[in-house]
N, C-alpha and C. Protein backbone atom coordinates (compact mmCIF):
# COMPACT_ATOMS: atom_id res chain seq x y z
N MET A 1 0.85 -1.19 0.00
CA MET A 1 0.00 0.00 0.00
C MET A 1 0.89 1.25 0.00
N SER A 2 0.60 2.20 -0.93
CA SER A 2 1.43 3.41 -1.01
C SER A 2 1.03 4.39 0.10
N GLN A 3 2.02 5.08 0.57
CA GLN A 3 1.78 6.03 1.66
C GLN A 3 1.49 7.41 1.07
N GLU A 4 0.39 8.03 1.50
CA GLU A 4 0.02 9.35 1.05
C GLU A 4 0.92 10.40 1.71
N ARG A 5 1.34 11.40 0.92
CA ARG A 5 2.10 12.51 1.50
C ARG A 5 1.11 13.57 1.96
N SER A 6 1.37 14.17 3.10
CA SER A 6 0.48 15.22 3.62
C SER A 6 0.53 16.44 2.70
N LEU A 7 -0.48 17.29 2.83
CA LEU A 7 -0.50 18.53 2.06
C LEU A 7 0.70 19.40 2.38
N GLU A 8 1.12 19.43 3.64
CA GLU A 8 2.29 20.23 4.03
C GLU A 8 3.54 19.73 3.32
N VAL A 9 3.72 18.41 3.24
CA VAL A 9 4.88 17.84 2.55
C VAL A 9 4.82 18.20 1.06
N GLN A 10 3.64 18.08 0.47
CA GLN A 10 3.48 18.42 -0.95
C GLN A 10 3.73 19.91 -1.19
N ARG A 11 3.28 20.74 -0.26
CA ARG A 11 3.52 22.18 -0.39
C ARG A 11 5.02 22.47 -0.33
N GLU A 12 5.71 21.84 0.60
CA GLU A 12 7.16 22.02 0.71
C GLU A 12 7.86 21.59 -0.58
N GLU A 13 7.41 20.49 -1.17
CA GLU A 13 7.98 20.04 -2.44
C GLU A 13 7.75 21.08 -3.54
N PHE A 14 6.53 21.62 -3.59
CA PHE A 14 6.20 22.63 -4.60
C PHE A 14 7.04 23.89 -4.39
N LYS A 15 7.19 24.30 -3.13
CA LYS A 15 7.95 25.51 -2.81
C LYS A 15 9.41 25.40 -3.22
N GLN A 16 9.95 24.20 -3.32
CA GLN A 16 11.35 24.00 -3.66
C GLN A 16 11.62 24.23 -5.15
N ARG A 17 10.57 24.39 -5.92
CA ARG A 17 10.73 24.55 -7.37
C ARG A 17 11.22 25.95 -7.73
N ARG A 18 11.83 26.01 -8.86
CA ARG A 18 12.39 27.28 -9.34
C ARG A 18 11.28 28.25 -9.77
N LEU A 19 10.25 27.76 -10.41
CA LEU A 19 9.07 28.54 -10.82
C LEU A 19 9.39 29.66 -11.82
N LEU A 20 10.30 29.38 -12.74
CA LEU A 20 10.66 30.40 -13.74
C LEU A 20 10.02 30.19 -15.10
N ALA A 21 9.64 28.97 -15.44
CA ALA A 21 9.17 28.69 -16.80
C ALA A 21 7.96 29.54 -17.19
N THR A 22 6.99 29.63 -16.31
CA THR A 22 5.77 30.38 -16.65
C THR A 22 6.03 31.89 -16.74
N PRO A 23 6.73 32.51 -15.77
CA PRO A 23 6.99 33.95 -15.96
C PRO A 23 7.91 34.24 -17.15
N LEU A 24 8.85 33.34 -17.44
CA LEU A 24 9.69 33.54 -18.63
C LEU A 24 8.84 33.52 -19.90
N SER A 25 7.91 32.57 -19.97
CA SER A 25 7.06 32.50 -21.16
C SER A 25 6.13 33.72 -21.23
N GLY A 26 5.65 34.19 -20.09
CA GLY A 26 4.85 35.41 -20.07
C GLY A 26 5.65 36.62 -20.55
N LEU A 27 6.89 36.70 -20.09
CA LEU A 27 7.77 37.79 -20.52
C LEU A 27 7.96 37.76 -22.04
N ILE A 28 8.22 36.59 -22.58
CA ILE A 28 8.40 36.46 -24.04
C ILE A 28 7.13 36.89 -24.77
N ALA A 29 5.98 36.40 -24.30
CA ALA A 29 4.72 36.72 -24.97
C ALA A 29 4.45 38.22 -24.99
N TRP A 30 4.62 38.87 -23.83
CA TRP A 30 4.33 40.30 -23.77
C TRP A 30 5.37 41.13 -24.51
N CYS A 31 6.60 40.65 -24.62
CA CYS A 31 7.61 41.34 -25.45
C CYS A 31 7.26 41.23 -26.93
N VAL A 32 6.73 40.09 -27.34
CA VAL A 32 6.27 39.93 -28.72
C VAL A 32 5.13 40.91 -29.00
N ILE A 33 4.22 41.05 -28.06
CA ILE A 33 3.10 42.00 -28.23
C ILE A 33 3.63 43.43 -28.30
N ALA A 34 4.57 43.78 -27.41
CA ALA A 34 5.15 45.13 -27.42
C ALA A 34 5.81 45.41 -28.77
N ALA A 35 6.63 44.49 -29.23
CA ALA A 35 7.32 44.68 -30.51
C ALA A 35 6.31 44.77 -31.66
N SER A 36 5.30 43.92 -31.64
CA SER A 36 4.29 43.92 -32.70
C SER A 36 3.50 45.22 -32.72
N SER A 37 3.31 45.83 -31.55
CA SER A 37 2.53 47.07 -31.47
C SER A 37 3.21 48.22 -32.19
N LEU A 38 4.51 48.08 -32.46
CA LEU A 38 5.25 49.15 -33.13
C LEU A 38 5.00 49.20 -34.63
N PHE A 39 4.51 48.08 -35.21
CA PHE A 39 4.35 48.08 -36.65
C PHE A 39 3.07 47.43 -37.18
N LEU A 40 2.27 46.81 -36.34
CA LEU A 40 1.05 46.16 -36.82
C LEU A 40 -0.18 47.06 -36.65
N GLU A 41 -1.11 46.88 -37.55
CA GLU A 41 -2.41 47.55 -37.47
C GLU A 41 -3.25 46.85 -36.39
N PRO A 42 -4.36 47.47 -35.98
CA PRO A 42 -5.16 46.93 -34.87
C PRO A 42 -5.58 45.46 -35.00
N PHE A 43 -6.11 45.04 -36.14
CA PHE A 43 -6.59 43.67 -36.25
C PHE A 43 -5.46 42.64 -36.11
N PRO A 44 -4.38 42.75 -36.89
CA PRO A 44 -3.31 41.77 -36.69
C PRO A 44 -2.65 41.86 -35.30
N LEU A 45 -2.58 43.06 -34.74
CA LEU A 45 -2.02 43.22 -33.40
C LEU A 45 -2.90 42.51 -32.37
N SER A 46 -4.20 42.60 -32.55
CA SER A 46 -5.12 41.90 -31.65
C SER A 46 -4.95 40.39 -31.77
N LEU A 47 -4.77 39.90 -32.99
CA LEU A 47 -4.53 38.46 -33.18
C LEU A 47 -3.23 38.03 -32.50
N VAL A 48 -2.20 38.82 -32.65
CA VAL A 48 -0.92 38.52 -31.98
C VAL A 48 -1.13 38.47 -30.48
N THR A 49 -1.91 39.39 -29.94
CA THR A 49 -2.16 39.43 -28.49
C THR A 49 -2.89 38.17 -28.03
N PHE A 50 -3.93 37.78 -28.75
CA PHE A 50 -4.64 36.55 -28.40
C PHE A 50 -3.73 35.33 -28.49
N ILE A 51 -2.98 35.23 -29.58
CA ILE A 51 -2.12 34.06 -29.79
C ILE A 51 -0.98 34.03 -28.78
N ALA A 52 -0.33 35.16 -28.58
CA ALA A 52 0.82 35.21 -27.66
C ALA A 52 0.41 34.88 -26.23
N THR A 53 -0.66 35.52 -25.76
CA THR A 53 -1.08 35.25 -24.38
C THR A 53 -1.68 33.86 -24.24
N GLY A 54 -2.33 33.38 -25.27
CA GLY A 54 -2.88 32.03 -25.24
C GLY A 54 -1.82 30.95 -25.31
N SER A 55 -0.63 31.32 -25.74
CA SER A 55 0.48 30.36 -25.87
C SER A 55 1.36 30.28 -24.64
N ILE A 56 1.13 31.13 -23.65
CA ILE A 56 2.03 31.20 -22.50
C ILE A 56 2.19 29.85 -21.82
N VAL A 57 1.10 29.15 -21.59
CA VAL A 57 1.20 27.87 -20.87
C VAL A 57 1.97 26.84 -21.70
N TYR A 58 1.78 26.84 -23.01
CA TYR A 58 2.48 25.87 -23.87
C TYR A 58 3.96 26.19 -23.95
N LEU A 59 4.29 27.47 -24.05
CA LEU A 59 5.68 27.88 -24.04
C LEU A 59 6.33 27.54 -22.70
N ALA A 60 5.59 27.70 -21.61
CA ALA A 60 6.09 27.36 -20.27
C ALA A 60 6.42 25.87 -20.18
N LEU A 61 5.56 25.04 -20.74
CA LEU A 61 5.83 23.59 -20.75
C LEU A 61 7.14 23.29 -21.46
N PHE A 62 7.38 23.98 -22.57
CA PHE A 62 8.62 23.81 -23.31
C PHE A 62 9.82 24.34 -22.52
N LEU A 63 9.71 25.56 -22.00
CA LEU A 63 10.81 26.18 -21.27
C LEU A 63 11.15 25.43 -19.98
N SER A 64 10.16 24.75 -19.42
CA SER A 64 10.39 24.05 -18.15
C SER A 64 11.47 22.98 -18.27
N LYS A 65 11.70 22.50 -19.47
CA LYS A 65 12.77 21.52 -19.68
C LYS A 65 14.14 22.16 -19.50
N PHE A 66 14.22 23.45 -19.75
CA PHE A 66 15.50 24.17 -19.66
C PHE A 66 15.71 24.83 -18.30
N THR A 67 14.63 25.04 -17.55
CA THR A 67 14.76 25.66 -16.23
C THR A 67 14.90 24.62 -15.13
N GLY A 68 14.83 23.35 -15.51
CA GLY A 68 14.94 22.27 -14.54
C GLY A 68 13.61 21.91 -13.89
N GLU A 69 12.54 22.52 -14.32
CA GLU A 69 11.23 22.26 -13.72
C GLU A 69 10.51 21.08 -14.37
N ASN A 70 10.73 20.88 -15.63
CA ASN A 70 10.13 19.81 -16.43
C ASN A 70 8.71 19.47 -16.00
N MET A 71 7.80 20.33 -16.35
CA MET A 71 6.40 20.20 -15.95
C MET A 71 5.73 18.94 -16.49
N LEU A 72 6.29 18.36 -17.53
CA LEU A 72 5.68 17.17 -18.13
C LEU A 72 6.31 15.87 -17.63
N ASP A 73 7.18 15.95 -16.64
CA ASP A 73 7.84 14.76 -16.11
C ASP A 73 6.83 13.88 -15.37
N LYS A 74 6.52 12.74 -15.95
CA LYS A 74 5.52 11.83 -15.36
C LYS A 74 6.10 10.97 -14.25
N SER A 75 7.43 10.97 -14.11
CA SER A 75 8.05 10.12 -13.08
C SER A 75 7.98 10.74 -11.68
N LYS A 76 7.73 12.05 -11.61
CA LYS A 76 7.61 12.71 -10.31
C LYS A 76 6.28 12.32 -9.66
N PRO A 77 6.25 12.21 -8.33
CA PRO A 77 4.97 11.90 -7.67
C PRO A 77 3.98 13.05 -7.87
N LYS A 78 2.70 12.70 -7.96
CA LYS A 78 1.66 13.72 -8.12
C LYS A 78 1.68 14.67 -6.92
N ASN A 79 1.42 15.94 -7.21
CA ASN A 79 1.42 16.95 -6.18
C ASN A 79 0.12 17.74 -6.29
N THR A 80 -0.61 17.83 -5.21
CA THR A 80 -1.89 18.54 -5.19
C THR A 80 -1.74 19.99 -5.62
N PHE A 81 -0.59 20.59 -5.35
CA PHE A 81 -0.39 22.00 -5.67
C PHE A 81 -0.14 22.20 -7.16
N ASP A 82 0.28 21.15 -7.87
CA ASP A 82 0.32 21.22 -9.34
C ASP A 82 -1.09 21.39 -9.88
N LYS A 83 -2.02 20.63 -9.30
CA LYS A 83 -3.42 20.72 -9.73
C LYS A 83 -3.97 22.12 -9.42
N LEU A 84 -3.66 22.64 -8.24
CA LEU A 84 -4.11 23.99 -7.90
C LEU A 84 -3.52 25.02 -8.87
N PHE A 85 -2.24 24.87 -9.19
CA PHE A 85 -1.60 25.77 -10.15
C PHE A 85 -2.31 25.69 -11.50
N MET A 86 -2.61 24.48 -11.96
CA MET A 86 -3.28 24.32 -13.25
C MET A 86 -4.70 24.92 -13.20
N LEU A 87 -5.32 24.87 -12.04
CA LEU A 87 -6.63 25.51 -11.90
C LEU A 87 -6.51 27.03 -12.00
N THR A 88 -5.41 27.59 -11.52
CA THR A 88 -5.21 29.04 -11.69
C THR A 88 -4.99 29.37 -13.16
N VAL A 89 -4.33 28.46 -13.89
CA VAL A 89 -4.17 28.65 -15.34
C VAL A 89 -5.53 28.62 -16.02
N LEU A 90 -6.38 27.66 -15.63
CA LEU A 90 -7.73 27.58 -16.18
C LEU A 90 -8.52 28.85 -15.85
N MET A 91 -8.37 29.35 -14.63
CA MET A 91 -9.02 30.59 -14.23
C MET A 91 -8.58 31.73 -15.15
N SER A 92 -7.29 31.81 -15.41
CA SER A 92 -6.77 32.86 -16.29
C SER A 92 -7.30 32.72 -17.71
N ALA A 93 -7.38 31.50 -18.19
CA ALA A 93 -7.90 31.29 -19.55
C ALA A 93 -9.37 31.67 -19.63
N SER A 94 -10.08 31.50 -18.54
CA SER A 94 -11.52 31.82 -18.51
C SER A 94 -11.78 33.31 -18.64
N VAL A 95 -10.79 34.14 -18.35
CA VAL A 95 -11.00 35.58 -18.42
C VAL A 95 -11.21 36.08 -19.85
N TYR A 96 -10.89 35.24 -20.81
CA TYR A 96 -11.14 35.65 -22.19
C TYR A 96 -12.64 35.87 -22.42
N ALA A 97 -13.47 35.26 -21.58
CA ALA A 97 -14.92 35.49 -21.67
C ALA A 97 -15.26 36.94 -21.34
N ILE A 98 -14.42 37.60 -20.59
CA ILE A 98 -14.59 39.03 -20.30
C ILE A 98 -13.85 39.86 -21.35
N ALA A 99 -12.66 39.44 -21.69
CA ALA A 99 -11.82 40.22 -22.60
C ALA A 99 -12.42 40.33 -24.00
N ILE A 100 -12.99 39.25 -24.50
CA ILE A 100 -13.47 39.25 -25.89
C ILE A 100 -14.63 40.22 -26.11
N PRO A 101 -15.68 40.22 -25.27
CA PRO A 101 -16.75 41.20 -25.53
C PRO A 101 -16.28 42.66 -25.45
N PHE A 102 -15.39 42.96 -24.50
CA PHE A 102 -14.87 44.33 -24.42
C PHE A 102 -13.99 44.65 -25.63
N PHE A 103 -13.22 43.68 -26.07
CA PHE A 103 -12.39 43.83 -27.26
C PHE A 103 -13.26 44.15 -28.47
N LEU A 104 -14.40 43.48 -28.59
CA LEU A 104 -15.29 43.72 -29.73
C LEU A 104 -15.87 45.13 -29.73
N GLU A 105 -15.97 45.73 -28.54
CA GLU A 105 -16.45 47.11 -28.43
C GLU A 105 -15.32 48.11 -28.64
N ASP A 106 -14.14 47.81 -28.10
CA ASP A 106 -12.97 48.69 -28.20
C ASP A 106 -11.73 47.81 -28.17
N TYR A 107 -11.09 47.67 -29.33
CA TYR A 107 -9.96 46.74 -29.43
C TYR A 107 -8.84 47.11 -28.46
N THR A 108 -8.74 48.38 -28.06
CA THR A 108 -7.65 48.76 -27.14
C THR A 108 -7.88 48.27 -25.72
N SER A 109 -9.09 47.74 -25.46
CA SER A 109 -9.33 47.17 -24.13
C SER A 109 -8.64 45.82 -23.96
N LEU A 110 -8.19 45.23 -25.05
CA LEU A 110 -7.62 43.88 -25.00
C LEU A 110 -6.40 43.76 -24.08
N PRO A 111 -5.37 44.61 -24.21
CA PRO A 111 -4.24 44.46 -23.29
C PRO A 111 -4.61 44.74 -21.84
N LEU A 112 -5.55 45.65 -21.62
CA LEU A 112 -6.01 45.95 -20.27
C LEU A 112 -6.69 44.72 -19.66
N ALA A 113 -7.66 44.19 -20.36
CA ALA A 113 -8.44 43.06 -19.83
C ALA A 113 -7.56 41.83 -19.62
N ILE A 114 -6.80 41.47 -20.63
CA ILE A 114 -5.96 40.27 -20.50
C ILE A 114 -4.85 40.52 -19.49
N GLY A 115 -4.26 41.69 -19.54
CA GLY A 115 -3.15 42.00 -18.64
C GLY A 115 -3.52 41.94 -17.17
N VAL A 116 -4.66 42.51 -16.84
CA VAL A 116 -5.10 42.50 -15.43
C VAL A 116 -5.63 41.13 -15.04
N LEU A 117 -6.53 40.61 -15.83
CA LEU A 117 -7.21 39.38 -15.42
C LEU A 117 -6.29 38.16 -15.37
N THR A 118 -5.37 38.03 -16.31
CA THR A 118 -4.45 36.88 -16.23
C THR A 118 -3.40 37.08 -15.14
N GLY A 119 -3.18 38.32 -14.75
CA GLY A 119 -2.24 38.58 -13.64
C GLY A 119 -2.77 38.13 -12.29
N LEU A 120 -4.07 37.90 -12.21
CA LEU A 120 -4.66 37.48 -10.94
C LEU A 120 -4.18 36.10 -10.49
N MET A 121 -3.72 35.27 -11.42
CA MET A 121 -3.26 33.93 -11.04
C MET A 121 -2.02 33.98 -10.15
N TRP A 122 -1.35 35.12 -10.12
CA TRP A 122 -0.17 35.25 -9.26
C TRP A 122 -0.53 35.26 -7.78
N ILE A 123 -1.70 35.74 -7.44
CA ILE A 123 -2.06 35.90 -6.03
C ILE A 123 -2.12 34.57 -5.29
N PRO A 124 -2.79 33.54 -5.81
CA PRO A 124 -2.76 32.26 -5.09
C PRO A 124 -1.36 31.62 -5.05
N ILE A 125 -0.52 31.97 -6.00
CA ILE A 125 0.85 31.43 -5.98
C ILE A 125 1.57 31.90 -4.71
N SER A 126 1.31 33.13 -4.30
CA SER A 126 1.90 33.62 -3.04
C SER A 126 1.53 32.73 -1.87
N TRP A 127 0.28 32.32 -1.83
CA TRP A 127 -0.16 31.46 -0.73
C TRP A 127 0.52 30.10 -0.82
N ILE A 128 0.59 29.55 -2.02
CA ILE A 128 1.18 28.21 -2.18
C ILE A 128 2.64 28.22 -1.73
N ILE A 129 3.42 29.18 -2.22
CA ILE A 129 4.86 29.16 -1.93
C ILE A 129 5.22 29.97 -0.69
N GLN A 130 4.21 30.57 -0.07
CA GLN A 130 4.40 31.36 1.14
C GLN A 130 5.49 32.42 0.95
N HIS A 131 5.29 33.21 -0.12
CA HIS A 131 6.24 34.27 -0.47
C HIS A 131 5.43 35.45 -1.02
N TRP A 132 5.91 36.64 -0.80
CA TRP A 132 5.21 37.87 -1.15
C TRP A 132 5.16 38.18 -2.65
N ILE A 133 5.99 37.56 -3.48
CA ILE A 133 6.10 37.97 -4.87
C ILE A 133 4.80 37.86 -5.66
N GLY A 134 4.00 36.85 -5.40
CA GLY A 134 2.75 36.70 -6.15
C GLY A 134 1.77 37.82 -5.87
N ILE A 135 1.62 38.18 -4.62
CA ILE A 135 0.73 39.29 -4.26
C ILE A 135 1.28 40.60 -4.81
N ALA A 136 2.57 40.82 -4.66
CA ALA A 136 3.19 42.05 -5.17
C ALA A 136 3.00 42.15 -6.69
N HIS A 137 3.27 41.06 -7.39
CA HIS A 137 3.13 41.07 -8.85
C HIS A 137 1.67 41.29 -9.25
N GLY A 138 0.77 40.55 -8.64
CA GLY A 138 -0.65 40.66 -9.00
C GLY A 138 -1.22 42.05 -8.75
N LEU A 139 -0.92 42.62 -7.59
CA LEU A 139 -1.45 43.95 -7.27
C LEU A 139 -0.77 45.05 -8.09
N ALA A 140 0.56 44.99 -8.20
CA ALA A 140 1.28 46.00 -8.99
C ALA A 140 0.84 45.93 -10.45
N ARG A 141 0.65 44.72 -10.93
CA ARG A 141 0.23 44.56 -12.32
C ARG A 141 -1.14 45.19 -12.54
N THR A 142 -2.06 44.97 -11.64
CA THR A 142 -3.39 45.55 -11.76
C THR A 142 -3.31 47.08 -11.78
N ILE A 143 -2.64 47.65 -10.81
CA ILE A 143 -2.56 49.11 -10.68
C ILE A 143 -1.80 49.73 -11.85
N LEU A 144 -0.64 49.17 -12.18
CA LEU A 144 0.19 49.77 -13.22
C LEU A 144 -0.35 49.56 -14.63
N VAL A 145 -1.00 48.44 -14.88
CA VAL A 145 -1.61 48.23 -16.20
C VAL A 145 -2.76 49.21 -16.41
N VAL A 146 -3.59 49.38 -15.41
CA VAL A 146 -4.69 50.35 -15.53
C VAL A 146 -4.12 51.76 -15.73
N ALA A 147 -3.10 52.11 -14.95
CA ALA A 147 -2.49 53.44 -15.08
C ALA A 147 -1.89 53.64 -16.48
N ALA A 148 -1.18 52.65 -16.98
CA ALA A 148 -0.57 52.75 -18.32
C ALA A 148 -1.65 52.85 -19.39
N TRP A 149 -2.72 52.11 -19.22
CA TRP A 149 -3.81 52.11 -20.20
C TRP A 149 -4.44 53.51 -20.30
N TYR A 150 -4.61 54.16 -19.16
CA TYR A 150 -5.16 55.52 -19.16
C TYR A 150 -4.13 56.56 -19.59
N ALA A 151 -2.89 56.38 -19.20
CA ALA A 151 -1.85 57.38 -19.46
C ALA A 151 -1.43 57.45 -20.93
N PHE A 152 -1.55 56.34 -21.63
CA PHE A 152 -1.06 56.29 -23.02
C PHE A 152 -2.15 55.78 -23.96
N PRO A 153 -3.22 56.54 -24.14
CA PRO A 153 -4.35 56.05 -24.94
C PRO A 153 -4.01 55.73 -26.40
N GLU A 154 -3.01 56.39 -26.95
CA GLU A 154 -2.62 56.13 -28.33
C GLU A 154 -1.65 54.96 -28.47
N HIS A 155 -1.12 54.51 -27.35
CA HIS A 155 -0.11 53.43 -27.36
C HIS A 155 -0.40 52.39 -26.28
N ARG A 156 -1.65 52.02 -26.16
CA ARG A 156 -2.06 51.13 -25.07
C ARG A 156 -1.42 49.75 -25.14
N PHE A 157 -1.32 49.18 -26.31
CA PHE A 157 -0.71 47.84 -26.41
C PHE A 157 0.75 47.89 -25.99
N LEU A 158 1.46 48.90 -26.44
CA LEU A 158 2.88 49.04 -26.10
C LEU A 158 3.05 49.33 -24.61
N ALA A 159 2.34 50.30 -24.10
CA ALA A 159 2.50 50.70 -22.69
C ALA A 159 2.17 49.57 -21.74
N VAL A 160 1.05 48.91 -21.96
CA VAL A 160 0.65 47.81 -21.08
C VAL A 160 1.65 46.67 -21.18
N SER A 161 2.09 46.35 -22.39
CA SER A 161 3.07 45.27 -22.57
C SER A 161 4.37 45.57 -21.86
N LEU A 162 4.84 46.80 -21.94
CA LEU A 162 6.09 47.15 -21.28
C LEU A 162 5.97 47.09 -19.76
N VAL A 163 4.84 47.51 -19.23
CA VAL A 163 4.60 47.41 -17.78
C VAL A 163 4.66 45.94 -17.36
N ILE A 164 3.94 45.09 -18.07
CA ILE A 164 3.90 43.68 -17.71
C ILE A 164 5.28 43.04 -17.86
N ALA A 165 5.98 43.38 -18.93
CA ALA A 165 7.33 42.83 -19.13
C ALA A 165 8.26 43.24 -17.99
N ALA A 166 8.20 44.51 -17.59
CA ALA A 166 9.04 44.98 -16.48
C ALA A 166 8.70 44.25 -15.19
N LEU A 167 7.41 44.04 -14.94
CA LEU A 167 7.00 43.31 -13.73
C LEU A 167 7.46 41.85 -13.79
N TYR A 168 7.42 41.26 -14.97
CA TYR A 168 7.93 39.89 -15.11
C TYR A 168 9.43 39.83 -14.83
N ILE A 169 10.17 40.78 -15.33
CA ILE A 169 11.62 40.80 -15.08
C ILE A 169 11.89 40.88 -13.58
N PHE A 170 11.17 41.74 -12.90
CA PHE A 170 11.32 41.86 -11.45
C PHE A 170 10.95 40.54 -10.76
N ALA A 171 9.81 39.97 -11.13
CA ALA A 171 9.35 38.72 -10.51
C ALA A 171 10.32 37.58 -10.77
N ILE A 172 10.85 37.50 -11.97
CA ILE A 172 11.81 36.44 -12.31
C ILE A 172 13.06 36.58 -11.44
N ALA A 173 13.53 37.80 -11.27
CA ALA A 173 14.71 38.03 -10.42
C ALA A 173 14.42 37.62 -8.98
N VAL A 174 13.26 38.01 -8.46
CA VAL A 174 12.90 37.66 -7.08
C VAL A 174 12.74 36.15 -6.93
N LEU A 175 12.09 35.51 -7.90
CA LEU A 175 11.91 34.06 -7.82
C LEU A 175 13.25 33.32 -7.88
N GLU A 176 14.16 33.81 -8.69
CA GLU A 176 15.47 33.17 -8.80
C GLU A 176 16.26 33.33 -7.49
N ILE A 177 16.21 34.51 -6.91
CA ILE A 177 16.88 34.74 -5.62
C ILE A 177 16.28 33.84 -4.55
N ARG A 178 14.94 33.76 -4.53
CA ARG A 178 14.24 32.89 -3.58
C ARG A 178 14.70 31.44 -3.73
N TRP A 179 14.75 30.97 -4.96
CA TRP A 179 15.14 29.58 -5.25
C TRP A 179 16.59 29.31 -4.84
N ARG A 180 17.47 30.25 -5.14
CA ARG A 180 18.89 30.07 -4.78
C ARG A 180 19.07 30.03 -3.26
N LYS A 181 18.31 30.86 -2.55
CA LYS A 181 18.36 30.81 -1.08
C LYS A 181 17.86 29.47 -0.56
N LEU A 182 16.79 28.95 -1.15
CA LEU A 182 16.28 27.65 -0.75
C LEU A 182 17.32 26.55 -1.00
N LYS A 183 18.01 26.65 -2.10
CA LYS A 183 19.04 25.65 -2.45
C LYS A 183 20.20 25.71 -1.45
N ARG A 184 20.60 26.93 -1.05
CA ARG A 184 21.69 27.08 -0.08
C ARG A 184 21.30 26.49 1.28
N VAL A 185 20.06 26.75 1.69
CA VAL A 185 19.58 26.26 2.97
C VAL A 185 19.48 24.74 2.98
N SER A 186 19.05 24.15 1.87
CA SER A 186 18.88 22.70 1.82
C SER A 186 20.19 21.96 1.58
N SER A 187 21.24 22.68 1.22
CA SER A 187 22.55 22.03 0.95
C SER A 187 23.29 21.72 2.22
């Protein structure tokens, strides 16, 4: 009979992860949107935004092989917090139900809606890993994306993308420092 691991043990296992694949893929996606905003017309730019943000999870699966996270590794024991993380991904994907109708009314609402709503998945990550970065990223992203959207009405795709990219760079640095500290402590 196999022995079940407690939720605390599973949480500790999850907390030991580097957690870079998903923010790296988000950074790449939003940089593609920022670059595209410099030369694409509204319709193709909107398509790039949908495709780039919709590809984040798939790109993360690919990048996880290089960050040491290997999200598709079937040999690792199942972890309840992986399921919770995937539910936050599903929650983020569900926000397109809000983003699409607003986009159809005003295409410039797309980076605002997707930027804020998909950023909400960071908040439960703070609880899982018991670290402030998820709350900081989620709240800063909400406030700064809305501010950028209002401040730069003629360049909303670019401004929002740059805000999100900058926040990803900060979060990636914090997550890497967190992971390296965990590695030093466990060594």
